[in-house]
Protein backbone atom coordinates (compact mmCIF):
# COMPACT_ATOMS: atom_id res chain seq x y z
CA MET A 1 3.71 -10.27 27.62
CA ILE A 2 3.53 -6.80 26.05
CA VAL A 3 6.76 -5.34 24.70
CA THR A 4 6.89 -1.62 23.97
CA LEU A 5 7.67 -1.00 20.33
CA LYS A 6 7.55 2.31 18.50
CA ASP A 7 10.02 3.06 15.72
CA GLU A 8 12.61 0.48 16.77
CA PHE A 9 12.69 -3.22 15.92
CA LEU A 10 12.33 -6.29 18.10
CA LEU A 11 14.55 -9.29 17.47
CA ILE A 12 13.29 -12.64 18.76
CA ARG A 13 16.07 -15.18 18.49
CA THR A 14 17.04 -18.74 19.25
CA PRO A 15 20.24 -19.06 17.23
CA PRO A 16 20.51 -19.49 14.37
CA SER A 17 16.84 -18.68 13.59
CA PHE A 18 15.20 -15.33 14.24
CA LEU A 19 12.15 -13.14 13.83
CA ILE A 20 12.31 -9.37 13.44
CA ILE A 21 9.20 -7.34 14.18
CA GLY A 22 8.46 -3.72 13.37
CA LYS A 23 5.27 -1.67 13.63
CA ALA A 24 3.66 -0.61 10.35
CA GLN A 25 3.62 3.03 11.59
CA GLU A 26 1.17 4.22 8.92
CA CYS A 27 -1.97 3.10 7.15
CA PHE A 28 -1.45 1.84 3.59
CA PRO A 29 -2.74 -0.76 1.11
CA LEU A 30 -0.56 -3.86 0.85
CA CYS A 31 -0.83 -5.81 -2.40
CA ILE A 32 -0.31 -9.56 -2.30
CA GLU A 33 0.54 -11.24 -5.61
CA THR A 34 -0.18 -14.93 -6.20
CA SER A 35 0.19 -16.95 -9.41
CA SER A 36 -3.52 -16.49 -10.16
CA GLU A 37 -4.62 -13.23 -8.56
CA GLU A 38 -3.77 -10.00 -6.82
CA TYR A 39 -5.52 -8.77 -3.72
CA CYS A 40 -4.92 -5.92 -1.36
CA GLN A 41 -5.37 -5.59 2.37
CA THR A 42 -5.37 -2.47 4.47
CA VAL A 43 -2.45 -2.18 6.85
CA GLU A 44 -3.20 -0.20 10.01
CA THR A 45 -0.69 1.80 12.07
CA THR A 46 -0.68 -0.79 14.88
CA ASP A 47 -0.22 -3.76 12.53
CA LEU A 48 3.04 -5.67 12.57
CA VAL A 49 5.53 -6.37 9.82
CA ALA A 50 7.45 -9.54 10.66
CA VAL A 51 10.40 -11.18 8.94
CA SER A 52 11.36 -14.75 9.74
CA ALA A 53 14.69 -16.41 8.98
CA PRO A 54 14.10 -20.05 9.95
CA GLU A 55 17.71 -21.03 9.24
CA GLY A 56 19.31 -17.74 10.25
CA GLY A 57 20.77 -15.05 8.07
CA ASP A 58 21.78 -11.42 8.19
CA ILE A 59 19.68 -9.23 10.46
CA ASP A 60 20.31 -6.27 8.12
CA ALA A 61 18.51 -8.15 5.33
CA GLY A 62 15.50 -8.70 7.61
CA VAL A 63 15.38 -5.00 8.47
CA MET A 64 15.58 -4.10 4.77
CA LEU A 65 12.61 -6.35 4.02
CA ILE A 66 10.56 -4.71 6.78
CA GLU A 67 11.43 -1.27 5.42
CA LEU A 68 10.60 -2.28 1.84
CA VAL A 69 7.10 -3.14 3.03
CA ARG A 70 6.35 -0.47 5.62
CA ARG A 71 8.18 2.49 4.08
CA TYR A 72 8.01 1.74 0.35
CA HIS A 73 4.84 -0.43 0.31
CA THR A 74 6.47 -3.16 -1.77
CA PRO A 75 3.96 -5.91 -2.68
CA LEU A 76 4.40 -9.42 -1.31
CA ILE A 77 4.88 -12.34 -3.70
CA VAL A 78 3.35 -15.73 -2.87
CA LEU A 79 4.63 -18.83 -4.67
CA PRO A 80 2.45 -21.81 -5.59
CA GLY A 81 2.67 -24.62 -3.03
CA ASN A 82 4.73 -26.85 -5.30
CA HIS A 83 7.14 -24.15 -6.50
CA PRO A 84 10.78 -25.34 -6.26
CA GLY A 85 11.99 -21.85 -5.32
CA SER A 86 10.21 -21.91 -1.95
CA ARG A 87 12.93 -24.06 -0.42
CA ARG A 88 15.54 -21.43 -1.32
CA LEU A 89 13.79 -18.56 0.43
CA ARG A 90 15.97 -17.53 3.36
CA TYR A 91 13.59 -14.83 4.64
CA VAL A 92 9.80 -14.61 4.61
CA VAL A 93 7.52 -11.67 5.44
CA SER A 94 4.08 -11.40 7.00
CA VAL A 95 2.02 -8.28 7.71
CA GLY A 96 -1.07 -7.96 9.86
CA PRO A 97 -2.64 -7.30 13.25
CA VAL A 98 -1.94 -10.87 14.48
CA ILE A 99 0.79 -13.19 13.19
CA THR A 100 1.42 -16.76 14.31
CA THR A 101 4.66 -18.63 13.64
CA ASN A 102 4.46 -22.14 12.22
CA CYS A 103 7.20 -24.61 11.32
CA SER A 104 5.03 -26.94 9.24
CA ILE A 105 4.25 -24.63 6.30
CA ARG A 106 6.30 -24.15 3.13
CA ARG A 107 8.13 -20.84 2.94
CA GLY A 108 6.57 -18.18 0.77
CA THR A 109 3.52 -20.23 -0.23
CA HIS A 110 0.84 -18.88 2.13
CA PRO A 111 -0.99 -15.70 1.14
CA GLU A 112 -2.71 -15.64 4.54
CA GLN A 113 -0.88 -12.93 6.44
CA HIS A 114 -1.72 -14.31 9.88
CA LEU A 115 0.88 -17.08 9.35
CA ILE A 116 4.63 -16.98 8.96
CA CYS A 117 7.03 -19.86 8.50
CA ALA A 118 9.50 -20.18 11.37
CA SER A 119 11.98 -22.66 12.77
CA GLU A 120 10.75 -25.39 15.07
CA ALA A 121 12.32 -23.55 18.02
CA LEU A 122 10.24 -20.42 17.28
CA SER A 123 7.05 -22.16 16.18
CA GLY A 124 3.77 -21.43 17.98
CA ILE A 125 4.50 -17.80 18.93
CA THR A 126 1.59 -15.39 18.50
CA LEU A 127 2.39 -11.73 17.84
CA GLN A 128 -0.35 -9.13 18.14
CA GLY A 129 0.03 -5.46 17.34
CA VAL A 130 -1.26 -3.30 20.18
CA LYS A 131 -1.10 0.46 20.75
CA GLU A 132 1.90 0.16 23.09
CA GLY A 133 3.82 -2.22 20.83
CA VAL A 134 3.50 -5.96 20.46
CA ARG A 135 1.83 -8.59 22.58
CA ILE A 136 3.75 -11.88 22.53
CA ASP A 137 2.14 -15.17 23.56
CA ASN A 138 3.72 -18.63 23.74
CA LEU A 139 7.32 -17.39 23.75
CA PRO A 140 9.56 -20.45 24.15
CA PRO A 141 11.96 -20.54 27.10
CA ASP A 142 15.54 -19.40 26.46
CA THR A 143 14.41 -17.10 23.66
CA GLU A 144 16.36 -13.88 23.38
CA LEU A 145 14.49 -10.55 22.96
CA ILE A 146 16.54 -7.57 21.74
CA HIS A 147 15.33 -4.05 20.92
CA PHE A 148 17.42 -2.24 18.33
CA ARG A 149 17.34 0.61 15.88
CA SER A 150 18.44 0.29 12.28
CA ARG A 151 21.78 1.60 11.14
CA THR A 152 20.01 3.82 8.63
CA ASN A 153 19.07 6.02 11.59
CA ASN A 154 22.76 6.17 12.65
CA GLU A 155 21.87 4.77 16.02
CA PHE A 156 22.84 1.76 18.07
CA TYR A 157 22.58 -1.54 16.26
CA LYS A 158 22.71 -4.79 18.17
CA ASN A 159 24.36 -8.01 16.90
CA LYS A 160 24.36 -9.86 13.66
CA THR A 161 23.93 -13.62 13.43
């Protein structure tokens, strides 16, 4: 399924967990910081910026994280696999042309941007940035899809969890 996506956001939800997807909208270098190195990847205009909240949370916070990356080019921090803080991360971010959700990875510990931690209910979804918006494969049944614009644009904003 291809969902049109320009400057708005797409919420994929099976309460309480959710994913928010936005298009990168511009080309920029994204720095990824690990405990041992820094590397940068080029983000293209059709790439996706996704935020996952496996246990739910505030949709505004997810939108803010997307904007920190796509508008302000904030680097991403990756924790070591055994870091105790990973279990406290409520939101995680992934950026790239294709992103797959996975419920069996530890939050915030994977520098590979093609993966994002998600709830079991949202695991296995593949998101691909395309010119028209986002291609979604393996969407589970009874999953809610909602387009919305951020409040920062003083436009309609749909639901909080």
